Amino acid sequence: MVFVVDDLLKLPLDLSMEVLRAIAEKAEAEGLATEKAVRNRVLETQMKYERGDLSESEYRMTISDLRSRLEKLKGE
C-alpha cells in the first residue's frame, strides 16, 4: 500500500521530468538546424578538446556526429 501512495505522489514529478527531457532533446536538435550552428559546435568541441575537457575518443565521436549532421544539412 505504501508503494502505491509513493508512486502516486511521485507521478507528477516523473511526468515533469519526462516533459523537460523531451524539451531539452528538441532544443538540442533545433540548435543544430543550421550549418552555422553546427560549425560553431565544431569549434566549441575543438576548444574543449584542446583544453583537456574531452578525451580523444569523445572528441572523435562528437566531431564525427557533427560532420554527419553538416553533410545532411548541405544535402537538404
PDB file of N, CA and C in Angstrom:
ATOM      1  N   MET A   1       0.809  -1.189   0.000  1.00  0.00           N
ATOM      2  CA  MET A   1       0.000   0.000   0.000  1.00  0.00           C
ATOM      3  C   MET A   1       0.862   1.267   0.000  1.00  0.00           C
ATOM      4  N   VAL A   2       1.957   1.226   0.742  1.00  0.00           N
ATOM      5  CA  VAL A   2       2.844   2.373   0.821  1.00  0.00           C
ATOM      6  C   VAL A   2       3.446   2.680  -0.547  1.00  0.00           C
ATOM      7  N   PHE A   3       3.792   1.643  -1.302  1.00  0.00           N
ATOM      8  CA  PHE A   3       4.395   1.850  -2.615  1.00  0.00           C
ATOM      9  C   PHE A   3       3.421   2.522  -3.573  1.00  0.00           C
ATOM     10  N   VAL A   4       2.158   2.193  -3.474  1.00  0.00           N
ATOM     11  CA  VAL A   4       1.144   2.804  -4.334  1.00  0.00           C
ATOM     12  C   VAL A   4       1.038   4.296  -4.034  1.00  0.00           C
ATOM     13  N   VAL A   5       1.021   4.650  -2.779  1.00  0.00           N
ATOM     14  CA  VAL A   5       0.933   6.053  -2.390  1.00  0.00           C
ATOM     15  C   VAL A   5       2.188   6.794  -2.843  1.00  0.00           C
ATOM     16  N   ASP A   6       3.336   6.193  -2.623  1.00  0.00           N
ATOM     17  CA  ASP A   6       4.591   6.810  -3.057  1.00  0.00           C
ATOM     18  C   ASP A   6       4.591   7.031  -4.565  1.00  0.00           C
ATOM     19  N   ASP A   7       4.161   6.016  -5.304  1.00  0.00           N
ATOM     20  CA  ASP A   7       4.112   6.136  -6.761  1.00  0.00           C
ATOM     21  C   ASP A   7       3.163   7.243  -7.197  1.00  0.00           C
ATOM     22  N   LEU A   8       2.044   7.343  -6.555  1.00  0.00           N
ATOM     23  CA  LEU A   8       1.077   8.391  -6.889  1.00  0.00           C
ATOM     24  C   LEU A   8       1.626   9.782  -6.578  1.00  0.00           C
ATOM     25  N   LEU A   9       2.364   9.883  -5.491  1.00  0.00           N
ATOM     26  CA  LEU A   9       2.939  11.175  -5.131  1.00  0.00           C
ATOM     27  C   LEU A   9       4.076  11.576  -6.073  1.00  0.00           C
ATOM     28  N   LYS A  10       4.806  10.594  -6.575  1.00  0.00           N
ATOM     29  CA  LYS A  10       5.925  10.881  -7.467  1.00  0.00           C
ATOM     30  C   LYS A  10       5.502  11.043  -8.921  1.00  0.00           C
ATOM     31  N   LEU A  11       4.295  10.654  -9.270  1.00  0.00           N
ATOM     32  CA  LEU A  11       3.845  10.698 -10.654  1.00  0.00           C
ATOM     33  C   LEU A  11       3.968  12.087 -11.291  1.00  0.00           C
ATOM     34  N   PRO A  12       3.504  13.160 -10.653  1.00  0.00           N
ATOM     35  CA  PRO A  12       3.658  14.487 -11.284  1.00  0.00           C
ATOM     36  C   PRO A  12       5.126  14.858 -11.522  1.00  0.00           C
ATOM     37  N   LEU A  13       5.989  14.507 -10.602  1.00  0.00           N
ATOM     38  CA  LEU A  13       7.410  14.796 -10.760  1.00  0.00           C
ATOM     39  C   LEU A  13       8.002  13.993 -11.909  1.00  0.00           C
ATOM     40  N   ASP A  14       7.662  12.712 -11.985  1.00  0.00           N
ATOM     41  CA  ASP A  14       8.159  11.861 -13.063  1.00  0.00           C
ATOM     42  C   ASP A  14       7.695  12.376 -14.425  1.00  0.00           C
ATOM     43  N   LEU A  15       6.438  12.768 -14.510  1.00  0.00           N
ATOM     44  CA  LEU A  15       5.914  13.291 -15.767  1.00  0.00           C
ATOM     45  C   LEU A  15       6.589  14.603 -16.140  1.00  0.00           C
ATOM     46  N   SER A  16       6.819  15.440 -15.153  1.00  0.00           N
ATOM     47  CA  SER A  16       7.502  16.712 -15.400  1.00  0.00           C
ATOM     48  C   SER A  16       8.901  16.482 -15.926  1.00  0.00           C
ATOM     49  N   MET A  17       9.599  15.517 -15.370  1.00  0.00           N
ATOM     50  CA  MET A  17      10.956  15.209 -15.826  1.00  0.00           C
ATOM     51  C   MET A  17      10.939  14.710 -17.269  1.00  0.00           C
ATOM     52  N   GLU A  18       9.956  13.899 -17.624  1.00  0.00           N
ATOM     53  CA  GLU A  18       9.844  13.412 -18.999  1.00  0.00           C
ATOM     54  C   GLU A  18       9.614  14.569 -19.963  1.00  0.00           C
ATOM     55  N   VAL A  19       8.761  15.490 -19.580  1.00  0.00           N
ATOM     56  CA  VAL A  19       8.482  16.658 -20.427  1.00  0.00           C
ATOM     57  C   VAL A  19       9.741  17.500 -20.578  1.00  0.00           C
ATOM     58  N   LEU A  20      10.452  17.723 -19.494  1.00  0.00           N
ATOM     59  CA  LEU A  20      11.685  18.514 -19.555  1.00  0.00           C
ATOM     60  C   LEU A  20      12.743  17.839 -20.419  1.00  0.00           C
ATOM     61  N   ARG A  21      12.855  16.516 -20.321  1.00  0.00           N
ATOM     62  CA  ARG A  21      13.803  15.795 -21.178  1.00  0.00           C
ATOM     63  C   ARG A  21      13.435  15.957 -22.646  1.00  0.00           C
ATOM     64  N   ALA A  22      12.157  15.836 -22.950  1.00  0.00           N
ATOM     65  CA  ALA A  22      11.700  15.979 -24.338  1.00  0.00           C
ATOM     66  C   ALA A  22      11.985  17.380 -24.866  1.00  0.00           C
ATOM     67  N   ILE A  23      11.761  18.388 -24.030  1.00  0.00           N
ATOM     68  CA  ILE A  23      12.039  19.770 -24.432  1.00  0.00           C
ATOM     69  C   ILE A  23      13.533  19.963 -24.663  1.00  0.00           C
ATOM     70  N   ALA A  24      14.347  19.419 -23.794  1.00  0.00           N
ATOM     71  CA  ALA A  24      15.800  19.538 -23.947  1.00  0.00           C
ATOM     72  C   ALA A  24      16.285  18.860 -25.220  1.00  0.00           C
ATOM     73  N   GLU A  25      15.744  17.685 -25.519  1.00  0.00           N
ATOM     74  CA  GLU A  25      16.130  16.983 -26.745  1.00  0.00           C
ATOM     75  C   GLU A  25      15.723  17.778 -27.985  1.00  0.00           C
ATOM     76  N   LYS A  26      14.527  18.340 -27.957  1.00  0.00           N
ATOM     77  CA  LYS A  26      14.042  19.143 -29.087  1.00  0.00           C
ATOM     78  C   LYS A  26      14.907  20.387 -29.256  1.00  0.00           C
ATOM     79  N   ALA A  27      15.240  21.035 -28.172  1.00  0.00           N
ATOM     80  CA  ALA A  27      16.082  22.233 -28.235  1.00  0.00           C
ATOM     81  C   ALA A  27      17.462  21.888 -28.775  1.00  0.00           C
ATOM     82  N   GLU A  28      17.996  20.760 -28.365  1.00  0.00           N
ATOM     83  CA  GLU A  28      19.299  20.316 -28.852  1.00  0.00           C
ATOM     84  C   GLU A  28      19.244  20.072 -30.344  1.00  0.00           C
ATOM     85  N   ALA A  29      18.204  19.400 -30.798  1.00  0.00           N
ATOM     86  CA  ALA A  29      18.052  19.111 -32.227  1.00  0.00           C
ATOM     87  C   ALA A  29      17.905  20.398 -33.032  1.00  0.00           C
ATOM     88  N   GLU A  30      17.120  21.327 -32.539  1.00  0.00           N
ATOM     89  CA  GLU A  30      16.932  22.591 -33.231  1.00  0.00           C
ATOM     90  C   GLU A  30      18.188  23.455 -33.174  1.00  0.00           C
ATOM     91  N   GLY A  31      18.976  23.268 -32.153  1.00  0.00           N
ATOM     92  CA  GLY A  31      20.213  24.022 -32.023  1.00  0.00           C
ATOM     93  C   GLY A  31      21.216  23.681 -33.100  1.00  0.00           C
ATOM     94  N   LEU A  32      21.055  22.539 -33.731  1.00  0.00           N
ATOM     95  CA  LEU A  32      21.954  22.114 -34.809  1.00  0.00           C
ATOM     96  C   LEU A  32      21.214  22.088 -36.145  1.00  0.00           C
ATOM     97  N   ALA A  33      20.272  23.009 -36.318  1.00  0.00           N
ATOM     98  CA  ALA A  33      19.443  23.014 -37.520  1.00  0.00           C
ATOM     99  C   ALA A  33      20.058  23.813 -38.663  1.00  0.00           C
ATOM    100  N   THR A  34      21.123  24.565 -38.398  1.00  0.00           N
ATOM    101  CA  THR A  34      21.758  25.344 -39.462  1.00  0.00           C
ATOM    102  C   THR A  34      23.233  24.983 -39.551  1.00  0.00           C
ATOM    103  N   GLU A  35      23.802  25.213 -40.730  1.00  0.00           N
ATOM    104  CA  GLU A  35      25.235  24.939 -40.913  1.00  0.00           C
ATOM    105  C   GLU A  35      26.068  25.770 -39.948  1.00  0.00           C
ATOM    106  N   LYS A  36      25.667  27.019 -39.758  1.00  0.00           N
ATOM    107  CA  LYS A  36      26.416  27.900 -38.862  1.00  0.00           C
ATOM    108  C   LYS A  36      26.432  27.347 -37.438  1.00  0.00           C
ATOM    109  N   ALA A  37      25.286  26.841 -36.979  1.00  0.00           N
ATOM    110  CA  ALA A  37      25.206  26.284 -35.629  1.00  0.00           C
ATOM    111  C   ALA A  37      26.108  25.061 -35.491  1.00  0.00           C
ATOM    112  N   VAL A  38      26.132  24.212 -36.517  1.00  0.00           N
ATOM    113  CA  VAL A  38      26.972  23.017 -36.470  1.00  0.00           C
ATOM    114  C   VAL A  38      28.443  23.412 -36.487  1.00  0.00           C
ATOM    115  N   ARG A  39      28.793  24.360 -37.339  1.00  0.00           N
ATOM    116  CA  ARG A  39      30.198  24.816 -37.389  1.00  0.00           C
ATOM    117  C   ARG A  39      30.633  25.414 -36.048  1.00  0.00           C
ATOM    118  N   ASN A  40      29.738  26.162 -35.428  1.00  0.00           N
ATOM    119  CA  ASN A  40      30.052  26.714 -34.102  1.00  0.00           C
ATOM    120  C   ASN A  40      30.266  25.598 -33.080  1.00  0.00           C
ATOM    121  N   ARG A  41      29.454  24.552 -33.163  1.00  0.00           N
ATOM    122  CA  ARG A  41      29.601  23.428 -32.238  1.00  0.00           C
ATOM    123  C   ARG A  41      30.928  22.706 -32.496  1.00  0.00           C
ATOM    124  N   VAL A  42      31.351  22.621 -33.766  1.00  0.00           N
ATOM    125  CA  VAL A  42      32.648  22.011 -34.083  1.00  0.00           C
ATOM    126  C   VAL A  42      33.767  22.805 -33.416  1.00  0.00           C
ATOM    127  N   LEU A  43      33.714  24.116 -33.560  1.00  0.00           N
ATOM    128  CA  LEU A  43      34.742  24.966 -32.932  1.00  0.00           C
ATOM    129  C   LEU A  43      34.733  24.820 -31.412  1.00  0.00           C
ATOM    130  N   GLU A  44      33.549  24.788 -30.840  1.00  0.00           N
ATOM    131  CA  GLU A  44      33.423  24.618 -29.392  1.00  0.00           C
ATOM    132  C   GLU A  44      34.006  23.281 -28.943  1.00  0.00           C
ATOM    133  N   THR A  45      33.731  22.237 -29.722  1.00  0.00           N
ATOM    134  CA  THR A  45      34.250  20.899 -29.406  1.00  0.00           C
ATOM    135  C   THR A  45      35.774  20.874 -29.502  1.00  0.00           C
ATOM    136  N   GLN A  46      36.320  21.524 -30.530  1.00  0.00           N
ATOM    137  CA  GLN A  46      37.778  21.578 -30.676  1.00  0.00           C
ATOM    138  C   GLN A  46      38.426  22.300 -29.505  1.00  0.00           C
ATOM    139  N   MET A  47      37.809  23.384 -29.067  1.00  0.00           N
ATOM    140  CA  MET A  47      38.364  24.120 -27.924  1.00  0.00           C
ATOM    141  C   MET A  47      38.317  23.273 -26.658  1.00  0.00           C
ATOM    142  N   LYS A  48      37.220  22.556 -26.449  1.00  0.00           N
ATOM    143  CA  LYS A  48      37.108  21.692 -25.272  1.00  0.00           C
ATOM    144  C   LYS A  48      38.185  20.607 -25.297  1.00  0.00           C
ATOM    145  N   TYR A  49      38.440  20.052 -26.476  1.00  0.00           N
ATOM    146  CA  TYR A  49      39.464  19.012 -26.602  1.00  0.00           C
ATOM    147  C   TYR A  49      40.849  19.588 -26.306  1.00  0.00           C
ATOM    148  N   GLU A  50      41.125  20.757 -26.854  1.00  0.00           N
ATOM    149  CA  GLU A  50      42.432  21.384 -26.643  1.00  0.00           C
ATOM    150  C   GLU A  50      42.658  21.752 -25.179  1.00  0.00           C
ATOM    151  N   ARG A  51      41.589  22.105 -24.465  1.00  0.00           N
ATOM    152  CA  ARG A  51      41.697  22.427 -23.033  1.00  0.00           C
ATOM    153  C   ARG A  51      41.796  21.182 -22.168  1.00  0.00           C
ATOM    154  N   GLY A  52      41.514  20.032 -22.758  1.00  0.00           N
ATOM    155  CA  GLY A  52      41.559  18.793 -21.999  1.00  0.00           C
ATOM    156  C   GLY A  52      40.226  18.423 -21.368  1.00  0.00           C
ATOM    157  N   ASP A  53      39.166  19.121 -21.763  1.00  0.00           N
ATOM    158  CA  ASP A  53      37.842  18.834 -21.212  1.00  0.00           C
ATOM    159  C   ASP A  53      37.209  17.586 -21.846  1.00  0.00           C
ATOM    160  N   LEU A  54      37.705  17.178 -23.004  1.00  0.00           N
ATOM    161  CA  LEU A  54      37.205  15.988 -23.692  1.00  0.00           C
ATOM    162  C   LEU A  54      38.344  15.023 -23.941  1.00  0.00           C
ATOM    163  N   SER A  55      38.050  13.739 -23.815  1.00  0.00           N
ATOM    164  CA  SER A  55      39.056  12.736 -24.169  1.00  0.00           C
ATOM    165  C   SER A  55      39.118  12.640 -25.691  1.00  0.00           C
ATOM    166  N   GLU A  56      40.134  11.977 -26.192  1.00  0.00           N
ATOM    167  CA  GLU A  56      40.267  11.847 -27.646  1.00  0.00           C
ATOM    168  C   GLU A  56      39.092  11.077 -28.239  1.00  0.00           C
ATOM    169  N   SER A  57      38.650  10.038 -27.547  1.00  0.00           N
ATOM    170  CA  SER A  57      37.532   9.251 -28.076  1.00  0.00           C
ATOM    171  C   SER A  57      36.235  10.071 -28.078  1.00  0.00           C
ATOM    172  N   GLU A  58      36.000  10.861 -27.025  1.00  0.00           N
ATOM    173  CA  GLU A  58      34.816  11.730 -27.003  1.00  0.00           C
ATOM    174  C   GLU A  58      34.881  12.761 -28.130  1.00  0.00           C
ATOM    175  N   TYR A  59      36.079  13.312 -28.314  1.00  0.00           N
ATOM    176  CA  TYR A  59      36.290  14.303 -29.365  1.00  0.00           C
ATOM    177  C   TYR A  59      35.992  13.708 -30.737  1.00  0.00           C
ATOM    178  N   ARG A  60      36.583  12.545 -31.017  1.00  0.00           N
ATOM    179  CA  ARG A  60      36.378  11.915 -32.325  1.00  0.00           C
ATOM    180  C   ARG A  60      34.912  11.568 -32.569  1.00  0.00           C
ATOM    181  N   MET A  61      34.244  11.061 -31.562  1.00  0.00           N
ATOM    182  CA  MET A  61      32.846  10.685 -31.705  1.00  0.00           C
ATOM    183  C   MET A  61      31.970  11.926 -31.955  1.00  0.00           C
ATOM    184  N   THR A  62      32.221  12.981 -31.204  1.00  0.00           N
ATOM    185  CA  THR A  62      31.441  14.208 -31.352  1.00  0.00           C
ATOM    186  C   THR A  62      31.673  14.839 -32.717  1.00  0.00           C
ATOM    187  N   ILE A  63      32.925  14.924 -33.136  1.00  0.00           N
ATOM    188  CA  ILE A  63      33.248  15.517 -34.436  1.00  0.00           C
ATOM    189  C   ILE A  63      32.632  14.693 -35.558  1.00  0.00           C
ATOM    190  N   SER A  64      32.672  13.391 -35.427  1.00  0.00           N
ATOM    191  CA  SER A  64      32.061  12.527 -36.436  1.00  0.00           C
ATOM    192  C   SER A  64      30.557  12.788 -36.547  1.00  0.00           C
ATOM    193  N   ASP A  65      29.887  12.887 -35.410  1.00  0.00           N
ATOM    194  CA  ASP A  65      28.453  13.180 -35.402  1.00  0.00           C
ATOM    195  C   ASP A  65      28.162  14.546 -36.034  1.00  0.00           C
ATOM    196  N   LEU A  66      28.980  15.523 -35.698  1.00  0.00           N
ATOM    197  CA  LEU A  66      28.770  16.867 -36.234  1.00  0.00           C
ATOM    198  C   LEU A  66      29.024  16.911 -37.739  1.00  0.00           C
ATOM    199  N   ARG A  67      30.025  16.196 -38.200  1.00  0.00           N
ATOM    200  CA  ARG A  67      30.286  16.146 -39.653  1.00  0.00           C
ATOM    201  C   ARG A  67      29.123  15.495 -40.393  1.00  0.00           C
ATOM    202  N   SER A  68      28.581  14.444 -39.809  1.00  0.00           N
ATOM    203  CA  SER A  68      27.422  13.789 -40.421  1.00  0.00           C
ATOM    204  C   SER A  68      26.245  14.757 -40.487  1.00  0.00           C
ATOM    205  N   ARG A  69      26.036  15.487 -39.406  1.00  0.00           N
ATOM    206  CA  ARG A  69      24.944  16.459 -39.369  1.00  0.00           C
ATOM    207  C   ARG A  69      25.159  17.548 -40.415  1.00  0.00           C
ATOM    208  N   LEU A  70      26.391  18.004 -40.565  1.00  0.00           N
ATOM    209  CA  LEU A  70      26.721  19.049 -41.536  1.00  0.00           C
ATOM    210  C   LEU A  70      26.468  18.547 -42.960  1.00  0.00           C
ATOM    211  N   GLU A  71      26.862  17.316 -43.238  1.00  0.00           N
ATOM    212  CA  GLU A  71      26.623  16.739 -44.566  1.00  0.00           C
ATOM    213  C   GLU A  71      25.132  16.638 -44.863  1.00  0.00           C
ATOM    214  N   LYS A  72      24.335  16.266 -43.847  1.00  0.00           N
ATOM    215  CA  LYS A  72      22.870  16.199 -44.022  1.00  0.00           C
ATOM    216  C   LYS A  72      22.316  17.582 -44.371  1.00  0.00           C
ATOM    217  N   LEU A  73      22.787  18.596 -43.646  1.00  0.00           N
ATOM    218  CA  LEU A  73      22.285  19.940 -43.874  1.00  0.00           C
ATOM    219  C   LEU A  73      22.664  20.451 -45.260  1.00  0.00           C
ATOM    220  N   LYS A  74      23.862  20.109 -45.722  1.00  0.00           N
ATOM    221  CA  LYS A  74      24.286  20.533 -47.059  1.00  0.00           C
ATOM    222  C   LYS A  74      23.467  19.841 -48.138  1.00  0.00           C
ATOM    223  N   GLY A  75      23.012  18.635 -47.865  1.00  0.00           N
ATOM    224  CA  GLY A  75      22.225  17.880 -48.828  1.00  0.00           C
ATOM    225  C   GLY A  75      20.784  18.333 -48.923  1.00  0.00           C
ATOM    226  N   GLU A  76      20.317  19.057 -47.934  1.00  0.00           N
ATOM    227  CA  GLU A  76      18.902  19.475 -47.913  1.00  0.00           C
ATOM    228  C   GLU A  76      18.641  20.615 -48.854  1.00  0.00           C
TER     229      GLU A  76
END
